[in-house]
Amino acid sequence: RIPRPFPNLMSKPPHSNLPAIALVTAGFFCLSAMDAVGKWIVEADYSVFQLFSIRSMMIIPAMSIALASTGQLSELRTTNVRFFVLRAVVTFGAPILFFSALREMPLADATVLAFGSPLFLTVLSIPIFKEHVDGHRWAAVIFGFVGVLIVLNPTADVFQPAGLLVIGASLCFSGSMIMGRMLGATESVTRIVFYNNLGIGLLSLPFASFSWTAMPLEHVAIVALMAMLAVGGHFFITRAYIAAPMAVVAPFEYSAALWALIWGYFVFGDLPGVNVWIGAPITIASG
């Protein structure tokens, strides 16, 4: 059973969107911190599949215990099993492709390229959610794509094919957010976050078994930190996309640029290239 999309939410007064804006900003702070932690651990030569299977092994029992202890385990019951499975398959590509790219790219460069997702979401909100996107919004979408192309720098000798992995991750993330909002019509945020992490873990495990590496306790602790940041980020962002129109919420994903620049510089000593300094303001301005 495919949940019906929400009706057009643009009629809501602007002040009612402020909580969703705060949530999405907090969510991308959490995910940017998780990306920095994840980049460090993938550079320690662990399989991306192993990291996400372990992360899910931590998240699922923790959420189950928390729900059981408060008598809310029945919260996980759903009649939308097939749609949750489909969303898990779509969502799976986002972290796998993005963290695979982080092996080869600075954090800030990858984050700016991932800014294609607000543009994809704005475009897709028209046929799926019947949201109105007028002329200046279309101009902003086109303007934003130009910025993404500048960051990707496809004609330069320094072009990194890893950038294409980030674009793929952006598309998967956009699909995941759209499907999450559709599920939000009938499902709780807790249920959406739980089954999202369960799906990523189950899909990662078979691939991880081919390249499993023993992990010291300090690295396990780092994956646990990733898990906590992931749950917080996914909860805040999913709730934000349910509560407000996509065209309102999506541009605030650009707050991740500041955090990525800070983490990249202080943790990895990375500074973006000239193409990123040119393309990032164009993409962010489109928001």
C-alpha atoms as a PDB file:
ATOM      1  CA  ARG A   1       0.000   0.000   0.000  1.00  0.00           C
ATOM      2  CA  ILE A   2       1.509   3.316  -1.097  1.00  0.00           C
ATOM      3  CA  PRO A   3       0.651   6.188   1.256  1.00  0.00           C
ATOM      4  CA  ARG A   4      -1.030   9.143  -0.382  1.00  0.00           C
ATOM      5  CA  PRO A   5       1.071  12.332  -0.461  1.00  0.00           C
ATOM      6  CA  PHE A   6       0.207  15.270   1.729  1.00  0.00           C
ATOM      7  CA  PRO A   7      -1.884  18.045   0.198  1.00  0.00           C
ATOM      8  CA  ASN A   8      -0.228  21.338  -0.732  1.00  0.00           C
ATOM      9  CA  LEU A   9       1.074  22.908   2.495  1.00  0.00           C
ATOM     10  CA  MET A  10       1.987  26.301   1.014  1.00  0.00           C
ATOM     11  CA  SER A  11      -1.230  27.768   2.437  1.00  0.00           C
ATOM     12  CA  LYS A  12       0.211  27.471   5.948  1.00  0.00           C
ATOM     13  CA  PRO A  13       1.189  30.836   7.505  1.00  0.00           C
ATOM     14  CA  PRO A  14       5.001  31.388   7.409  1.00  0.00           C
ATOM     15  CA  HIS A  15       5.405  31.420  11.200  1.00  0.00           C
ATOM     16  CA  SER A  16       4.121  27.846  11.372  1.00  0.00           C
ATOM     17  CA  ASN A  17       7.119  26.709   9.310  1.00  0.00           C
ATOM     18  CA  LEU A  18       9.704  27.976  11.823  1.00  0.00           C
ATOM     19  CA  PRO A  19       9.781  24.795  13.946  1.00  0.00           C
ATOM     20  CA  ALA A  20      10.434  22.718  10.795  1.00  0.00           C
ATOM     21  CA  ILE A  21      13.251  25.083   9.800  1.00  0.00           C
ATOM     22  CA  ALA A  22      14.814  24.728  13.252  1.00  0.00           C
ATOM     23  CA  LEU A  23      14.505  20.941  13.040  1.00  0.00           C
ATOM     24  CA  VAL A  24      16.130  20.623   9.615  1.00  0.00           C
ATOM     25  CA  THR A  25      18.984  22.921  10.689  1.00  0.00           C
ATOM     26  CA  ALA A  26      19.604  20.810  13.814  1.00  0.00           C
ATOM     27  CA  GLY A  27      19.354  17.658  11.708  1.00  0.00           C
ATOM     28  CA  PHE A  28      22.037  18.740   9.287  1.00  0.00           C
ATOM     29  CA  PHE A  29      24.318  19.780  12.134  1.00  0.00           C
ATOM     30  CA  CYS A  30      24.073  16.186  13.385  1.00  0.00           C
ATOM     31  CA  LEU A  31      24.587  14.679   9.933  1.00  0.00           C
ATOM     32  CA  SER A  32      27.535  16.967   9.149  1.00  0.00           C
ATOM     33  CA  ALA A  33      29.209  15.871  12.383  1.00  0.00           C
ATOM     34  CA  MET A  34      28.442  12.243  11.449  1.00  0.00           C
ATOM     35  CA  ASP A  35      30.002  12.790   8.020  1.00  0.00           C
ATOM     36  CA  ALA A  36      33.206  14.087   9.609  1.00  0.00           C
ATOM     37  CA  VAL A  37      33.368  11.115  11.981  1.00  0.00           C
ATOM     38  CA  GLY A  38      32.539   8.765   9.101  1.00  0.00           C
ATOM     39  CA  LYS A  39      35.242  10.209   6.833  1.00  0.00           C
ATOM     40  CA  TRP A  40      37.830   9.627   9.550  1.00  0.00           C
ATOM     41  CA  ILE A  41      36.782   6.013  10.063  1.00  0.00           C
ATOM     42  CA  VAL A  42      36.513   5.092   6.346  1.00  0.00           C
ATOM     43  CA  GLU A  43      40.015   6.465   5.855  1.00  0.00           C
ATOM     44  CA  ALA A  44      41.112   3.892   8.452  1.00  0.00           C
ATOM     45  CA  ASP A  45      40.416   1.408   5.627  1.00  0.00           C
ATOM     46  CA  TYR A  46      37.176  -0.162   6.801  1.00  0.00           C
ATOM     47  CA  SER A  47      34.486  -1.227   4.374  1.00  0.00           C
ATOM     48  CA  VAL A  48      31.622   1.260   4.161  1.00  0.00           C
ATOM     49  CA  PHE A  49      29.237  -1.712   4.313  1.00  0.00           C
ATOM     50  CA  GLN A  50      30.846  -2.922   7.548  1.00  0.00           C
ATOM     51  CA  LEU A  51      30.483   0.479   9.182  1.00  0.00           C
ATOM     52  CA  PHE A  52      26.803   0.764   8.340  1.00  0.00           C
ATOM     53  CA  SER A  53      25.976  -2.784   9.341  1.00  0.00           C
ATOM     54  CA  ILE A  54      27.631  -2.201  12.756  1.00  0.00           C
ATOM     55  CA  ARG A  55      25.912   1.176  13.084  1.00  0.00           C
ATOM     56  CA  SER A  56      22.520  -0.456  12.557  1.00  0.00           C
ATOM     57  CA  MET A  57      23.390  -3.251  15.027  1.00  0.00           C
ATOM     58  CA  MET A  58      23.763  -0.480  17.608  1.00  0.00           C
ATOM     59  CA  ILE A  59      20.764   1.649  16.641  1.00  0.00           C
ATOM     60  CA  ILE A  60      18.126  -1.085  16.348  1.00  0.00           C
ATOM     61  CA  PRO A  61      18.632  -2.701  19.796  1.00  0.00           C
ATOM     62  CA  ALA A  62      18.988   0.733  21.447  1.00  0.00           C
ATOM     63  CA  MET A  63      15.726   2.020  19.959  1.00  0.00           C
ATOM     64  CA  SER A  64      13.956  -1.274  20.737  1.00  0.00           C
ATOM     65  CA  ILE A  65      15.064  -1.186  24.383  1.00  0.00           C
ATOM     66  CA  ALA A  66      14.078   2.474  24.712  1.00  0.00           C
ATOM     67  CA  LEU A  67      10.609   1.802  23.283  1.00  0.00           C
ATOM     68  CA  ALA A  68      10.139  -1.345  25.397  1.00  0.00           C
ATOM     69  CA  SER A  69      11.158   0.451  28.593  1.00  0.00           C
ATOM     70  CA  THR A  70       8.475   3.094  28.009  1.00  0.00           C
ATOM     71  CA  GLY A  71       5.817   0.609  26.942  1.00  0.00           C
ATOM     72  CA  GLN A  72       5.817   1.866  23.370  1.00  0.00           C
ATOM     73  CA  LEU A  73       7.148  -1.179  21.514  1.00  0.00           C
ATOM     74  CA  SER A  74       3.781  -1.460  19.729  1.00  0.00           C
ATOM     75  CA  GLU A  75       4.785   1.820  18.045  1.00  0.00           C
ATOM     76  CA  LEU A  76       6.725  -0.301  15.554  1.00  0.00           C
ATOM     77  CA  ARG A  77       3.647  -2.045  14.154  1.00  0.00           C
ATOM     78  CA  THR A  78       2.912  -1.066  10.562  1.00  0.00           C
ATOM     79  CA  THR A  79       0.843  -2.129   7.585  1.00  0.00           C
ATOM     80  CA  ASN A  80       3.206  -0.423   5.120  1.00  0.00           C
ATOM     81  CA  VAL A  81       5.916  -3.109   5.129  1.00  0.00           C
ATOM     82  CA  ARG A  82       6.411  -3.136   1.352  1.00  0.00           C
ATOM     83  CA  PHE A  83       6.722   0.631   1.168  1.00  0.00           C
ATOM     84  CA  PHE A  84       9.237   0.628   4.040  1.00  0.00           C
ATOM     85  CA  VAL A  85      11.268  -2.016   2.171  1.00  0.00           C
ATOM     86  CA  LEU A  86      11.192   0.065  -1.009  1.00  0.00           C
ATOM     87  CA  ARG A  87      12.310   3.169   0.901  1.00  0.00           C
ATOM     88  CA  ALA A  88      15.142   1.209   2.541  1.00  0.00           C
ATOM     89  CA  VAL A  89      16.442   0.170  -0.886  1.00  0.00           C
ATOM     90  CA  VAL A  90      16.345   3.784  -2.123  1.00  0.00           C
ATOM     91  CA  THR A  91      17.847   5.167   1.096  1.00  0.00           C
ATOM     92  CA  PHE A  92      20.632   2.566   1.119  1.00  0.00           C
ATOM     93  CA  GLY A  93      22.365   4.229  -1.818  1.00  0.00           C
ATOM     94  CA  ALA A  94      22.708   7.604  -0.096  1.00  0.00           C
ATOM     95  CA  PRO A  95      25.176   6.787   2.742  1.00  0.00           C
ATOM     96  CA  ILE A  96      26.986   4.046   0.794  1.00  0.00           C
ATOM     97  CA  LEU A  97      27.698   6.284  -2.215  1.00  0.00           C
ATOM     98  CA  PHE A  98      28.464   9.366  -0.111  1.00  0.00           C
ATOM     99  CA  PHE A  99      30.917   7.705   2.268  1.00  0.00           C
ATOM    100  CA  SER A 100      32.569   5.861  -0.621  1.00  0.00           C
ATOM    101  CA  ALA A 101      33.182   9.278  -2.198  1.00  0.00           C
ATOM    102  CA  LEU A 102      34.614  10.630   1.076  1.00  0.00           C
ATOM    103  CA  ARG A 103      37.553   8.252   0.712  1.00  0.00           C
ATOM    104  CA  GLU A 104      38.664  10.346  -2.262  1.00  0.00           C
ATOM    105  CA  MET A 105      37.226  13.834  -1.662  1.00  0.00           C
ATOM    106  CA  PRO A 106      37.507  16.572   0.978  1.00  0.00           C
ATOM    107  CA  LEU A 107      34.443  16.790   3.209  1.00  0.00           C
ATOM    108  CA  ALA A 108      33.472  20.334   2.124  1.00  0.00           C
ATOM    109  CA  ASP A 109      33.675  19.470  -1.602  1.00  0.00           C
ATOM    110  CA  ALA A 110      31.473  16.394  -1.155  1.00  0.00           C
ATOM    111  CA  THR A 111      28.978  18.297   0.990  1.00  0.00           C
ATOM    112  CA  VAL A 112      28.567  21.094  -1.560  1.00  0.00           C
ATOM    113  CA  LEU A 113      28.029  18.564  -4.342  1.00  0.00           C
ATOM    114  CA  ALA A 114      25.380  16.907  -2.195  1.00  0.00           C
ATOM    115  CA  PHE A 115      23.502  20.208  -2.288  1.00  0.00           C
ATOM    116  CA  GLY A 116      21.885  18.941  -5.461  1.00  0.00           C
ATOM    117  CA  SER A 117      19.272  17.278  -3.235  1.00  0.00           C
ATOM    118  CA  PRO A 118      17.317  20.470  -2.344  1.00  0.00           C
ATOM    119  CA  LEU A 119      17.099  21.221  -6.060  1.00  0.00           C
ATOM    120  CA  PHE A 120      15.903  17.695  -6.878  1.00  0.00           C
ATOM    121  CA  LEU A 121      13.364  17.908  -4.038  1.00  0.00           C
ATOM    122  CA  THR A 122      11.972  21.212  -5.286  1.00  0.00           C
ATOM    123  CA  VAL A 123      11.492  19.831  -8.793  1.00  0.00           C
ATOM    124  CA  LEU A 124       9.946  16.555  -7.605  1.00  0.00           C
ATOM    125  CA  SER A 125       7.589  18.291  -5.162  1.00  0.00           C
ATOM    126  CA  ILE A 126       5.555  19.533  -8.148  1.00  0.00           C
ATOM    127  CA  PRO A 127       4.280  16.255  -9.636  1.00  0.00           C
ATOM    128  CA  ILE A 128       4.276  14.313  -6.362  1.00  0.00           C
ATOM    129  CA  PHE A 129       2.914  16.790  -3.806  1.00  0.00           C
ATOM    130  CA  LYS A 130       1.271  19.322  -6.160  1.00  0.00           C
ATOM    131  CA  GLU A 131       3.262  22.139  -4.602  1.00  0.00           C
ATOM    132  CA  HIS A 132       3.369  25.393  -6.548  1.00  0.00           C
ATOM    133  CA  VAL A 133       6.807  26.435  -7.817  1.00  0.00           C
ATOM    134  CA  ASP A 134       6.677  29.810  -9.552  1.00  0.00           C
ATOM    135  CA  GLY A 135       9.103  31.519 -11.939  1.00  0.00           C
ATOM    136  CA  HIS A 136      11.632  32.783  -9.408  1.00  0.00           C
ATOM    137  CA  ARG A 137      11.824  29.333  -7.795  1.00  0.00           C
ATOM    138  CA  TRP A 138      12.488  27.742 -11.204  1.00  0.00           C
ATOM    139  CA  ALA A 139      15.234  30.318 -11.772  1.00  0.00           C
ATOM    140  CA  ALA A 140      16.737  29.419  -8.401  1.00  0.00           C
ATOM    141  CA  VAL A 141      16.685  25.697  -9.256  1.00  0.00           C
ATOM    142  CA  ILE A 142      18.513  26.294 -12.551  1.00  0.00           C
ATOM    143  CA  PHE A 143      20.946  28.679 -10.833  1.00  0.00           C
ATOM    144  CA  GLY A 144      21.638  26.031  -8.191  1.00  0.00           C
ATOM    145  CA  PHE A 145      22.368  23.339 -10.774  1.00  0.00           C
ATOM    146  CA  VAL A 146      24.900  25.667 -12.399  1.00  0.00           C
ATOM    147  CA  GLY A 147      26.653  25.948  -9.032  1.00  0.00           C
ATOM    148  CA  VAL A 148      26.708  22.161  -8.664  1.00  0.00           C
ATOM    149  CA  LEU A 149      28.248  21.802 -12.131  1.00  0.00           C
ATOM    150  CA  ILE A 150      30.958  24.331 -11.249  1.00  0.00           C
ATOM    151  CA  VAL A 151      31.821  22.369  -8.104  1.00  0.00           C
ATOM    152  CA  LEU A 152      31.838  19.105 -10.056  1.00  0.00           C
ATOM    153  CA  ASN A 153      34.178  20.804 -12.568  1.00  0.00           C
ATOM    154  CA  PRO A 154      33.647  18.186 -15.321  1.00  0.00           C
ATOM    155  CA  THR A 155      36.037  19.714 -17.874  1.00  0.00           C
ATOM    156  CA  ALA A 156      39.049  20.126 -15.602  1.00  0.00           C
ATOM    157  CA  ASP A 157      42.053  17.821 -15.376  1.00  0.00           C
ATOM    158  CA  VAL A 158      41.441  17.570 -11.633  1.00  0.00           C
ATOM    159  CA  PHE A 159      37.876  16.271 -12.052  1.00  0.00           C
ATOM    160  CA  GLN A 160      37.213  13.498  -9.557  1.00  0.00           C
ATOM    161  CA  PRO A 161      34.869  10.698 -10.657  1.00  0.00           C
ATOM    162  CA  ALA A 162      34.028  10.369  -6.954  1.00  0.00           C
ATOM    163  CA  GLY A 163      31.912  13.483  -7.470  1.00  0.00           C
ATOM    164  CA  LEU A 164      29.475  11.383  -9.488  1.00  0.00           C
ATOM    165  CA  LEU A 165      29.019   9.139  -6.437  1.00  0.00           C
ATOM    166  CA  VAL A 166      27.931  12.202  -4.455  1.00  0.00           C
ATOM    167  CA  ILE A 167      25.413  13.174  -7.153  1.00  0.00           C
ATOM    168  CA  GLY A 168      24.030   9.620  -6.974  1.00  0.00           C
ATOM    169  CA  ALA A 169      23.843   9.904  -3.178  1.00  0.00           C
ATOM    170  CA  SER A 170      21.923  13.177  -3.592  1.00  0.00           C
ATOM    171  CA  LEU A 171      19.345  11.521  -5.798  1.00  0.00           C
ATOM    172  CA  CYS A 172      18.925   8.649  -3.331  1.00  0.00           C
ATOM    173  CA  PHE A 173      18.586  11.095  -0.418  1.00  0.00           C
ATOM    174  CA  SER A 174      15.939  13.068  -2.323  1.00  0.00           C
ATOM    175  CA  GLY A 175      13.971   9.894  -2.989  1.00  0.00           C
ATOM    176  CA  SER A 176      14.261   8.916   0.661  1.00  0.00           C
ATOM    177  CA  MET A 177      12.934  12.286   1.884  1.00  0.00           C
ATOM    178  CA  ILE A 178      10.013  12.181  -0.558  1.00  0.00           C
ATOM    179  CA  MET A 179       9.067   8.669   0.517  1.00  0.00           C
ATOM    180  CA  GLY A 180       9.516   9.613   4.172  1.00  0.00           C
ATOM    181  CA  ARG A 181       7.077  12.468   3.776  1.00  0.00           C
ATOM    182  CA  MET A 182       4.587  10.155   2.080  1.00  0.00           C
ATOM    183  CA  LEU A 183       4.912   7.717   4.974  1.00  0.00           C
ATOM    184  CA  GLY A 184       4.427  10.594   7.404  1.00  0.00           C
ATOM    185  CA  ALA A 185       0.749  10.685   6.426  1.00  0.00           C
ATOM    186  CA  THR A 186       0.156   7.419   8.307  1.00  0.00           C
ATOM    187  CA  GLU A 187       3.379   6.535  10.177  1.00  0.00           C
ATOM    188  CA  SER A 188       5.181   8.050  13.178  1.00  0.00           C
ATOM    189  CA  VAL A 189       8.655   9.560  12.885  1.00  0.00           C
ATOM    190  CA  THR A 190       9.981   6.930  15.320  1.00  0.00           C
ATOM    191  CA  ARG A 191       8.734   4.136  13.061  1.00  0.00           C
ATOM    192  CA  ILE A 192      10.176   5.780   9.936  1.00  0.00           C
ATOM    193  CA  VAL A 193      13.630   6.243  11.529  1.00  0.00           C
ATOM    194  CA  PHE A 194      13.634   2.716  12.999  1.00  0.00           C
ATOM    195  CA  TYR A 195      12.840   0.908   9.748  1.00  0.00           C
ATOM    196  CA  ASN A 196      15.163   3.159   7.765  1.00  0.00           C
ATOM    197  CA  ASN A 197      18.123   2.113   9.923  1.00  0.00           C
ATOM    198  CA  LEU A 198      16.995  -1.516  10.015  1.00  0.00           C
ATOM    199  CA  GLY A 199      16.837  -1.607   6.214  1.00  0.00           C
ATOM    200  CA  ILE A 200      20.277  -0.049   5.745  1.00  0.00           C
ATOM    201  CA  GLY A 201      21.775  -2.535   8.210  1.00  0.00           C
ATOM    202  CA  LEU A 202      20.196  -5.606   6.611  1.00  0.00           C
ATOM    203  CA  LEU A 203      21.209  -4.506   3.117  1.00  0.00           C
ATOM    204  CA  SER A 204      24.793  -3.724   4.225  1.00  0.00           C
ATOM    205  CA  LEU A 205      25.438  -6.986   6.059  1.00  0.00           C
ATOM    206  CA  PRO A 206      25.765  -9.363   3.058  1.00  0.00           C
ATOM    207  CA  PHE A 207      28.257  -7.006   1.372  1.00  0.00           C
ATOM    208  CA  ALA A 208      30.154  -6.452   4.634  1.00  0.00           C
ATOM    209  CA  SER A 209      30.710 -10.193   5.078  1.00  0.00           C
ATOM    210  CA  PHE A 210      33.102 -10.211   2.095  1.00  0.00           C
ATOM    211  CA  SER A 211      35.480  -7.633   3.567  1.00  0.00           C
ATOM    212  CA  TRP A 212      34.987  -7.728   7.345  1.00  0.00           C
ATOM    213  CA  THR A 213      37.944  -6.378   9.344  1.00  0.00           C
ATOM    214  CA  ALA A 214      38.537  -6.742  13.082  1.00  0.00           C
ATOM    215  CA  MET A 215      37.868  -3.424  14.821  1.00  0.00           C
ATOM    216  CA  PRO A 216      39.481  -2.187  18.074  1.00  0.00           C
ATOM    217  CA  LEU A 217      37.223  -0.853  20.821  1.00  0.00           C
ATOM    218  CA  GLU A 218      38.102   2.788  20.178  1.00  0.00           C
ATOM    219  CA  HIS A 219      36.911   2.431  16.586  1.00  0.00           C
ATOM    220  CA  VAL A 220      33.735   0.713  17.770  1.00  0.00           C
ATOM    221  CA  ALA A 221      33.154   3.753  20.005  1.00  0.00           C
ATOM    222  CA  ILE A 222      33.525   6.022  16.969  1.00  0.00           C
ATOM    223  CA  VAL A 223      30.896   4.001  15.087  1.00  0.00           C
ATOM    224  CA  ALA A 224      28.648   4.321  18.165  1.00  0.00           C
ATOM    225  CA  LEU A 225      29.053   8.099  17.939  1.00  0.00           C
ATOM    226  CA  MET A 226      28.073   7.889  14.269  1.00  0.00           C
ATOM    227  CA  ALA A 227      24.974   5.945  15.301  1.00  0.00           C
ATOM    228  CA  MET A 228      23.873   8.557  17.845  1.00  0.00           C
ATOM    229  CA  LEU A 229      24.385  11.419  15.400  1.00  0.00           C
ATOM    230  CA  ALA A 230      22.558   9.481  12.666  1.00  0.00           C
ATOM    231  CA  VAL A 231      19.475   8.853  14.818  1.00  0.00           C
ATOM    232  CA  GLY A 232      19.317  12.499  15.882  1.00  0.00           C
ATOM    233  CA  GLY A 233      19.825  13.783  12.353  1.00  0.00           C
ATOM    234  CA  HIS A 234      17.318  11.411  10.741  1.00  0.00           C
ATOM    235  CA  PHE A 235      14.687  12.137  13.397  1.00  0.00           C
ATOM    236  CA  PHE A 236      14.963  15.930  13.071  1.00  0.00           C
ATOM    237  CA  ILE A 237      15.071  15.944   9.257  1.00  0.00           C
ATOM    238  CA  THR A 238      12.231  13.451   8.784  1.00  0.00           C
ATOM    239  CA  ARG A 239      10.040  15.451  11.164  1.00  0.00           C
ATOM    240  CA  ALA A 240      10.892  18.693   9.351  1.00  0.00           C
ATOM    241  CA  TYR A 241       9.943  17.329   5.915  1.00  0.00           C
ATOM    242  CA  ILE A 242       6.640  16.040   7.276  1.00  0.00           C
ATOM    243  CA  ALA A 243       5.771  19.338   8.969  1.00  0.00           C
ATOM    244  CA  ALA A 244       6.415  21.878   6.185  1.00  0.00           C
ATOM    245  CA  PRO A 245       6.550  22.223   2.385  1.00  0.00           C
ATOM    246  CA  MET A 246       9.680  20.804   0.754  1.00  0.00           C
ATOM    247  CA  ALA A 247      10.392  24.074  -1.067  1.00  0.00           C
ATOM    248  CA  VAL A 248      10.532  25.828   2.341  1.00  0.00           C
ATOM    249  CA  VAL A 249      12.587  23.233   4.223  1.00  0.00           C
ATOM    250  CA  ALA A 250      15.037  22.070   1.534  1.00  0.00           C
ATOM    251  CA  PRO A 251      17.147  25.270   1.226  1.00  0.00           C
ATOM    252  CA  PHE A 252      18.095  25.057   4.898  1.00  0.00           C
ATOM    253  CA  GLU A 253      20.114  21.961   4.052  1.00  0.00           C
ATOM    254  CA  TYR A 254      22.731  24.488   2.948  1.00  0.00           C
ATOM    255  CA  SER A 255      23.565  25.114   6.612  1.00  0.00           C
ATOM    256  CA  ALA A 256      25.619  21.916   6.260  1.00  0.00           C
ATOM    257  CA  ALA A 257      28.161  23.898   4.209  1.00  0.00           C
ATOM    258  CA  LEU A 258      29.364  25.862   7.227  1.00  0.00           C
ATOM    259  CA  TRP A 259      29.724  22.755   9.386  1.00  0.00           C
ATOM    260  CA  ALA A 260      31.485  20.809   6.620  1.00  0.00           C
ATOM    261  CA  LEU A 261      33.987  23.638   6.168  1.00  0.00           C
ATOM    262  CA  ILE A 262      34.657  23.773   9.917  1.00  0.00           C
ATOM    263  CA  TRP A 263      35.001  19.983  10.335  1.00  0.00           C
ATOM    264  CA  GLY A 264      37.062  19.683   7.153  1.00  0.00           C
ATOM    265  CA  TYR A 265      39.536  22.359   8.179  1.00  0.00           C
ATOM    266  CA  PHE A 266      39.971  21.555  11.867  1.00  0.00           C
ATOM    267  CA  VAL A 267      39.784  17.751  11.629  1.00  0.00           C
ATOM    268  CA  PHE A 268      41.375  17.029   8.242  1.00  0.00           C
ATOM    269  CA  GLY A 269      43.235  20.241   7.358  1.00  0.00           C
ATOM    270  CA  ASP A 270      41.275  20.515   4.102  1.00  0.00           C
ATOM    271  CA  LEU A 271      40.430  23.733   2.306  1.00  0.00           C
ATOM    272  CA  PRO A 272      38.100  23.662  -0.737  1.00  0.00           C
ATOM    273  CA  GLY A 273      39.484  24.310  -4.223  1.00  0.00           C
ATOM    274  CA  VAL A 274      38.741  27.467  -6.242  1.00  0.00           C
ATOM    275  CA  ASN A 275      35.871  25.778  -8.102  1.00  0.00           C
ATOM    276  CA  VAL A 276      34.178  25.015  -4.766  1.00  0.00           C
ATOM    277  CA  TRP A 277      34.548  28.620  -3.553  1.00  0.00           C
ATOM    278  CA  ILE A 278      32.881  29.766  -6.790  1.00  0.00           C
ATOM    279  CA  GLY A 279      30.202  27.087  -7.090  1.00  0.00           C
ATOM    280  CA  ALA A 280      29.196  26.871  -3.421  1.00  0.00           C
ATOM    281  CA  PRO A 281      27.958  30.495  -3.085  1.00  0.00           C
ATOM    282  CA  ILE A 282      25.983  30.095  -6.321  1.00  0.00           C
ATOM    283  CA  THR A 283      24.332  26.906  -5.085  1.00  0.00           C
ATOM    284  CA  ILE A 284      23.671  28.304  -1.600  1.00  0.00           C
ATOM    285  CA  ALA A 285      22.320  31.577  -3.026  1.00  0.00           C
ATOM    286  CA  SER A 286      19.795  29.569  -5.032  1.00  0.00           C
ATOM    287  CA  GLY A 287      18.245  28.573  -1.709  1.00  0.00           C
END
